[in-house]
């Protein structure tokens, strides 16, 4: 199945806390300097930071770190810690007097799932997750399941535990595409939904204010510009729809980031070759996202907190 760290230069760090009313954490994807990035936000209830900077029409094309966090909008402050680490290490958009790190972030809703509504990630946790990523070796194993931003993740109307998953694929031309997903979805994997249901009869039983999100980072060693990263992020959203039913709802904050480290040049010898290269890459990205989401669901373990008991999805299939 692989991992996002199969893309050369990509590193991942997790920080989490699970005692004293806590059930939340932070995951940081740290790419090599000069990595180009963009984003596609498809869900109706996103909690994001600095995603406007990733629009193809804006000034800066590179990304210094991507922060995925629990704590809903409160948890976005963890991006400040990642930004501080990047500044201390000279990573960022160069300006007179220093650098301004470009650190987009997105959050899942996990407030109160450990028992304390005020237990949420902060800047110190974001700094620690970034430092943890930086300390990892090339191609390192990535923690899955109840780690980082997946610590408090749930799926299926809070029936089951969600978590962090990852996957990768290598194309014939040597392009590697990896994905990391934090699965905190309103829906369930298609394995448990009724394929014979009539349109409009979705039975997830969503309750008001049960906010959910699937967050994804797609990374590749292909050379892509910012617009191509944006289109790849958009295409990769199909992987969420293939894995979860429903997806992209008003109650989900589904967000996909795309990072291109620029190691391998695609065939752009003709316009037809360019299109085929990009379509192949983007189709593979959607497949890898689906695999990463399912990995996150099946890697998650049951937990019990003062707020409730959250079972493992895999055990429900036995």
Protein backbone atom coordinates (compact mmCIF):
# COMPACT_ATOMS: atom_id res chain seq x y z
CA UNK A 1 0.00 0.00 0.00
CA UNK A 2 2.91 2.34 0.66
CA UNK A 3 2.92 5.75 2.33
CA UNK A 4 3.11 9.43 1.47
CA UNK A 5 6.77 9.33 2.55
CA UNK A 6 7.54 7.19 -0.51
CA UNK A 7 7.65 10.58 -2.25
CA UNK A 8 11.30 11.64 -1.78
CA UNK A 9 11.74 14.46 0.71
CA UNK A 10 8.28 14.21 2.30
CA UNK A 11 8.23 13.76 6.08
CA UNK A 12 5.33 13.45 8.52
CA UNK A 13 5.16 14.25 12.22
CA UNK A 14 2.39 13.53 14.74
CA UNK A 15 1.59 14.87 18.19
CA UNK A 16 -1.42 13.80 20.22
CA UNK A 17 -2.84 13.73 23.74
CA UNK A 18 -5.33 11.17 25.04
CA UNK A 19 -5.58 11.62 28.80
CA UNK A 20 -7.18 14.11 31.18
CA UNK A 21 -10.14 14.81 28.90
CA UNK A 22 -8.03 15.01 25.73
CA UNK A 23 -8.60 13.08 22.51
CA UNK A 24 -7.02 15.17 19.77
CA UNK A 25 -3.77 15.94 18.01
CA UNK A 26 -1.84 17.47 15.13
CA UNK A 27 -0.24 16.04 11.99
CA UNK A 28 2.31 18.01 9.97
CA UNK A 29 3.42 17.16 6.44
CA UNK A 30 6.83 18.74 5.90
CA UNK A 31 7.96 18.86 2.26
CA UNK A 32 11.43 19.76 0.97
CA UNK A 33 12.14 23.45 0.31
CA UNK A 34 10.79 24.73 -2.98
CA UNK A 35 7.77 22.43 -3.05
CA UNK A 36 4.85 23.85 -5.05
CA UNK A 37 1.37 23.53 -3.57
CA UNK A 38 -2.32 24.25 -3.96
CA UNK A 39 -5.63 23.14 -2.45
CA UNK A 40 -9.23 22.24 -3.26
CA UNK A 41 -11.91 22.77 -0.58
CA UNK A 42 -15.07 20.85 -1.42
CA UNK A 43 -16.97 20.34 1.85
CA UNK A 44 -19.65 22.72 3.13
CA UNK A 45 -18.19 23.16 6.62
CA UNK A 46 -14.44 23.73 6.33
CA UNK A 47 -12.10 25.06 9.03
CA UNK A 48 -9.00 26.28 7.19
CA UNK A 49 -6.05 28.66 7.45
CA UNK A 50 -4.04 30.29 4.61
CA UNK A 51 -5.81 28.32 1.87
CA UNK A 52 -6.39 31.54 -0.10
CA UNK A 53 -2.60 31.83 -0.47
CA UNK A 54 -2.68 28.57 -2.47
CA UNK A 55 -4.99 29.92 -5.16
CA UNK A 56 -3.19 29.72 -8.54
CA UNK A 57 -3.64 33.46 -9.08
CA UNK A 58 -1.82 34.54 -5.90
CA UNK A 59 1.81 35.56 -5.43
CA UNK A 60 3.54 32.67 -3.67
CA UNK A 61 3.71 29.21 -5.28
CA UNK A 62 5.65 27.24 -2.66
CA UNK A 63 4.49 25.66 0.59
CA UNK A 64 6.69 25.21 3.66
CA UNK A 65 4.44 22.86 5.69
CA UNK A 66 0.85 21.63 5.79
CA UNK A 67 -0.86 21.31 9.16
CA UNK A 68 -3.78 18.97 9.75
CA UNK A 69 -5.26 19.38 13.21
CA UNK A 70 -8.06 18.53 15.56
CA UNK A 71 -9.88 21.13 17.60
CA UNK A 72 -12.05 22.59 14.84
CA UNK A 73 -11.37 26.30 14.22
CA UNK A 74 -9.69 26.57 17.64
CA UNK A 75 -7.06 24.04 16.58
CA UNK A 76 -5.91 26.14 13.62
CA UNK A 77 -3.64 28.01 16.05
CA UNK A 78 -1.37 24.94 15.82
CA UNK A 79 -0.28 26.29 12.43
CA UNK A 80 1.42 29.16 14.27
CA UNK A 81 3.74 26.66 15.94
CA UNK A 82 4.63 25.09 12.59
CA UNK A 83 5.24 28.56 11.20
CA UNK A 84 7.57 29.38 14.11
CA UNK A 85 9.59 26.20 13.47
CA UNK A 86 9.89 27.10 9.78
CA UNK A 87 11.02 30.64 10.59
CA UNK A 88 13.64 29.38 13.03
CA UNK A 89 14.97 27.12 10.28
CA UNK A 90 14.98 29.76 7.55
CA UNK A 91 12.10 28.31 5.58
CA UNK A 92 9.62 30.69 4.03
CA UNK A 93 8.96 33.40 1.46
CA UNK A 94 12.01 35.64 1.53
CA UNK A 95 11.48 39.31 2.31
CA UNK A 96 13.65 42.13 3.62
CA UNK A 97 14.63 41.20 7.16
CA UNK A 98 13.61 37.55 7.15
CA UNK A 99 11.13 35.02 5.83
CA UNK A 100 7.38 34.49 6.01
CA UNK A 101 6.63 30.75 6.09
CA UNK A 102 3.64 29.61 4.03
CA UNK A 103 1.85 27.13 6.28
CA UNK A 104 -1.72 26.30 5.25
CA UNK A 105 -3.82 24.29 7.66
CA UNK A 106 -7.15 22.53 7.96
CA UNK A 107 -8.97 21.16 11.00
CA UNK A 108 -11.39 18.40 11.85
CA UNK A 109 -14.18 18.71 14.40
CA UNK A 110 -13.33 16.59 17.44
CA UNK A 111 -14.23 18.97 20.26
CA UNK A 112 -15.20 17.28 23.50
CA UNK A 113 -14.60 13.72 22.34
CA UNK A 114 -12.15 13.11 25.16
CA UNK A 115 -14.54 14.62 27.68
CA UNK A 116 -13.19 18.18 27.85
CA UNK A 117 -14.48 20.63 25.23
CA UNK A 118 -11.56 22.97 25.96
CA UNK A 119 -8.91 20.30 25.29
CA UNK A 120 -7.68 21.28 21.84
CA UNK A 121 -4.35 21.56 19.98
CA UNK A 122 -2.27 24.70 20.46
CA UNK A 123 0.80 26.30 18.88
CA UNK A 124 3.17 24.24 21.04
CA UNK A 125 1.66 21.03 19.70
CA UNK A 126 2.01 22.29 16.13
CA UNK A 127 5.67 23.17 16.75
CA UNK A 128 6.35 19.73 18.25
CA UNK A 129 4.70 17.93 15.31
CA UNK A 130 6.80 19.92 12.83
CA UNK A 131 10.01 19.24 14.74
CA UNK A 132 9.06 15.55 14.87
CA UNK A 133 8.60 15.48 11.10
CA UNK A 134 11.95 17.20 10.53
CA UNK A 135 13.72 14.64 12.72
CA UNK A 136 12.50 11.69 10.65
CA UNK A 137 14.68 9.86 8.15
CA UNK A 138 13.98 9.77 4.41
CA UNK A 139 11.21 7.29 3.57
CA UNK A 140 10.24 6.74 7.20
CA UNK A 141 7.19 4.78 8.34
CA UNK A 142 4.11 6.91 8.98
CA UNK A 143 1.97 6.43 12.06
CA UNK A 144 -1.55 5.31 11.21
CA UNK A 145 -4.88 5.15 13.00
CA UNK A 146 -5.28 6.89 16.36
CA UNK A 147 -2.39 9.32 15.94
CA UNK A 148 -1.94 13.01 15.24
CA UNK A 149 -4.99 14.72 13.80
CA UNK A 150 -6.72 11.33 13.65
CA UNK A 151 -6.65 10.86 17.42
CA UNK A 152 -10.18 12.16 17.94
CA UNK A 153 -11.54 11.35 14.49
CA UNK A 154 -14.85 9.47 14.16
CA UNK A 155 -16.90 8.23 11.20
CA UNK A 156 -20.49 7.29 10.44
CA UNK A 157 -22.45 9.66 12.69
CA UNK A 158 -19.96 9.05 15.54
CA UNK A 159 -20.55 5.29 15.41
CA UNK A 160 -16.94 4.26 14.75
CA UNK A 161 -13.40 5.48 15.23
CA UNK A 162 -11.71 7.18 12.32
CA UNK A 163 -8.03 7.95 11.96
CA UNK A 164 -4.96 8.64 9.85
CA UNK A 165 -4.26 6.56 6.76
CA UNK A 166 -1.69 6.71 3.98
CA UNK A 167 -0.90 5.06 0.65
CA UNK A 168 1.23 5.52 -2.47
CA UNK A 169 1.72 4.34 -6.03
CA UNK A 170 4.61 4.56 -8.49
CA UNK A 171 3.79 5.07 -12.17
CA UNK A 172 5.73 3.57 -15.07
CA UNK A 173 7.49 6.90 -15.69
CA UNK A 174 8.88 6.93 -12.13
CA UNK A 175 6.40 9.46 -10.78
CA UNK A 176 5.46 8.67 -7.19
CA UNK A 177 2.10 9.79 -5.84
CA UNK A 178 1.36 9.50 -2.13
CA UNK A 179 -1.55 10.53 0.05
CA UNK A 180 -2.20 11.01 3.73
CA UNK A 181 -5.79 11.22 4.97
CA UNK A 182 -7.42 12.16 8.26
CA UNK A 183 -10.84 10.49 8.20
CA UNK A 184 -13.50 12.14 10.36
CA UNK A 185 -16.44 11.69 8.03
CA UNK A 186 -20.20 11.92 8.32
CA UNK A 187 -20.39 8.92 6.01
CA UNK A 188 -19.19 5.34 6.09
CA UNK A 189 -17.10 3.34 3.63
CA UNK A 190 -19.21 1.98 0.81
CA UNK A 191 -18.76 -1.47 2.33
CA UNK A 192 -21.49 -0.67 4.87
CA UNK A 193 -23.90 1.43 2.84
CA UNK A 194 -26.92 0.11 0.99
CA UNK A 195 -26.02 -0.06 -2.69
CA UNK A 196 -29.68 -0.64 -3.54
CA UNK A 197 -31.01 2.47 -1.83
CA UNK A 198 -33.03 4.84 -3.98
CA UNK A 199 -31.53 8.27 -4.65
CA UNK A 200 -32.25 10.66 -1.82
CA UNK A 201 -32.71 7.94 0.80
CA UNK A 202 -29.31 8.18 2.49
CA UNK A 203 -29.65 6.60 5.93
CA UNK A 204 -26.69 7.98 7.86
CA UNK A 205 -29.11 9.77 10.19
CA UNK A 206 -27.02 12.92 10.46
CA UNK A 207 -27.89 15.05 13.46
CA UNK A 208 -27.68 18.86 13.47
CA UNK A 209 -24.23 20.27 14.30
CA UNK A 210 -22.43 16.94 13.95
CA UNK A 211 -19.59 18.50 12.03
CA UNK A 212 -17.23 16.26 10.06
CA UNK A 213 -14.28 16.42 7.72
CA UNK A 214 -11.91 14.31 5.66
CA UNK A 215 -8.56 16.03 5.23
CA UNK A 216 -6.06 14.87 2.62
CA UNK A 217 -2.54 15.76 1.53
CA UNK A 218 -1.50 14.43 -1.88
CA UNK A 219 2.21 14.61 -2.69
CA UNK A 220 4.12 13.79 -5.86
CA UNK A 221 7.69 14.04 -7.11
CA UNK A 222 6.46 15.31 -10.49
CA UNK A 223 7.17 18.82 -11.70
CA UNK A 224 3.83 20.66 -11.50
CA UNK A 225 3.04 24.33 -11.44
CA UNK A 226 0.55 25.84 -9.02
CA UNK A 227 -2.38 25.57 -11.42
CA UNK A 228 -1.62 21.90 -12.09
CA UNK A 229 -1.41 21.28 -8.34
CA UNK A 230 -4.81 22.89 -7.96
CA UNK A 231 -6.30 20.67 -10.68
CA UNK A 232 -4.66 17.59 -9.14
CA UNK A 233 -6.16 18.43 -5.74
CA UNK A 234 -9.55 18.82 -7.40
CA UNK A 235 -9.24 15.49 -9.23
CA UNK A 236 -8.11 13.78 -6.03
CA UNK A 237 -11.38 14.76 -4.34
CA UNK A 238 -12.91 11.93 -6.38
CA UNK A 239 -11.05 9.54 -4.10
CA UNK A 240 -13.09 10.79 -1.14
CA UNK A 241 -16.31 10.18 -3.05
CA UNK A 242 -15.17 6.67 -4.02
CA UNK A 243 -14.34 5.75 -0.43
CA UNK A 244 -17.11 7.35 1.64
CA UNK A 245 -20.87 7.64 1.33
CA UNK A 246 -21.94 10.41 1.57
CA UNK A 247 -19.10 12.84 0.98
CA UNK A 248 -18.70 16.58 0.38
CA UNK A 249 -21.86 17.33 2.34
CA UNK A 250 -22.89 20.54 4.06
CA UNK A 251 -21.73 18.92 7.32
CA UNK A 252 -18.29 17.93 5.98
CA UNK A 253 -15.21 20.14 5.56
CA UNK A 254 -13.53 17.93 2.96
CA UNK A 255 -10.24 19.51 1.89
CA UNK A 256 -7.40 18.20 -0.33
CA UNK A 257 -3.93 19.76 -0.52
CA UNK A 258 -1.52 18.90 -3.33
CA UNK A 259 2.27 19.20 -3.03
CA UNK A 260 4.69 18.76 -5.95
CA UNK A 261 8.35 18.38 -5.00
CA UNK A 262 9.56 18.61 -8.60
CA UNK A 263 11.90 15.66 -8.98
CA UNK A 264 10.62 14.21 -12.26
CA UNK A 265 9.61 16.13 -15.40
CA UNK A 266 6.47 14.93 -17.15
CA UNK A 267 6.35 14.34 -20.89
CA UNK A 268 5.31 17.69 -22.36
CA UNK A 269 6.79 17.15 -25.81
CA UNK A 270 3.37 17.72 -27.41
CA UNK A 271 0.07 18.99 -26.14
CA UNK A 272 -1.37 15.49 -26.34
CA UNK A 273 1.55 14.11 -24.32
CA UNK A 274 1.10 16.83 -21.70
CA UNK A 275 -2.58 16.04 -21.31
CA UNK A 276 -2.01 12.30 -21.07
CA UNK A 277 0.71 12.78 -18.46
CA UNK A 278 -1.47 14.99 -16.27
CA UNK A 279 -4.61 12.88 -16.65
CA UNK A 280 -2.67 9.74 -15.71
CA UNK A 281 -1.18 11.41 -12.65
CA UNK A 282 -4.47 12.92 -11.51
CA UNK A 283 -6.40 9.68 -11.98
CA UNK A 284 -3.80 7.86 -9.89
CA UNK A 285 -4.08 10.57 -7.23
CA UNK A 286 -7.79 9.85 -6.81
CA UNK A 287 -7.07 6.11 -6.46
CA UNK A 288 -4.37 6.73 -3.85
CA UNK A 289 -6.66 9.01 -1.84
CA UNK A 290 -9.29 6.27 -1.73
CA UNK A 291 -6.69 3.78 -0.49
CA UNK A 292 -5.41 6.20 2.16
CA UNK A 293 -8.93 6.82 3.47
CA UNK A 294 -9.68 3.12 3.77
CA UNK A 295 -6.31 2.61 5.44
CA UNK A 296 -7.24 5.26 8.00
CA UNK A 297 -10.59 3.62 8.72
CA UNK A 298 -9.16 0.12 9.12
CA UNK A 299 -6.12 1.29 11.11
CA UNK A 300 -8.25 3.04 13.73
CA UNK A 301 -8.71 1.36 17.10
CA UNK A 302 -11.66 1.53 19.49
CA UNK A 303 -11.45 4.00 22.36
CA UNK A 304 -13.49 4.76 25.47
CA UNK A 305 -13.53 8.25 27.01
CA UNK A 306 -15.84 10.09 29.43
CA UNK A 307 -17.66 11.34 26.33
CA UNK A 308 -18.49 7.91 24.94
CA UNK A 309 -17.38 4.61 23.47
CA UNK A 310 -16.19 4.61 19.88
CA UNK A 311 -15.84 1.21 18.25
CA UNK A 312 -13.48 0.02 15.54
CA UNK A 313 -15.09 -0.19 12.11
CA UNK A 314 -13.25 -3.39 11.24
CA UNK A 315 -14.78 -5.27 14.17
CA UNK A 316 -18.28 -4.44 12.89
CA UNK A 317 -17.61 -6.54 9.77
CA UNK A 318 -16.81 -9.74 11.65
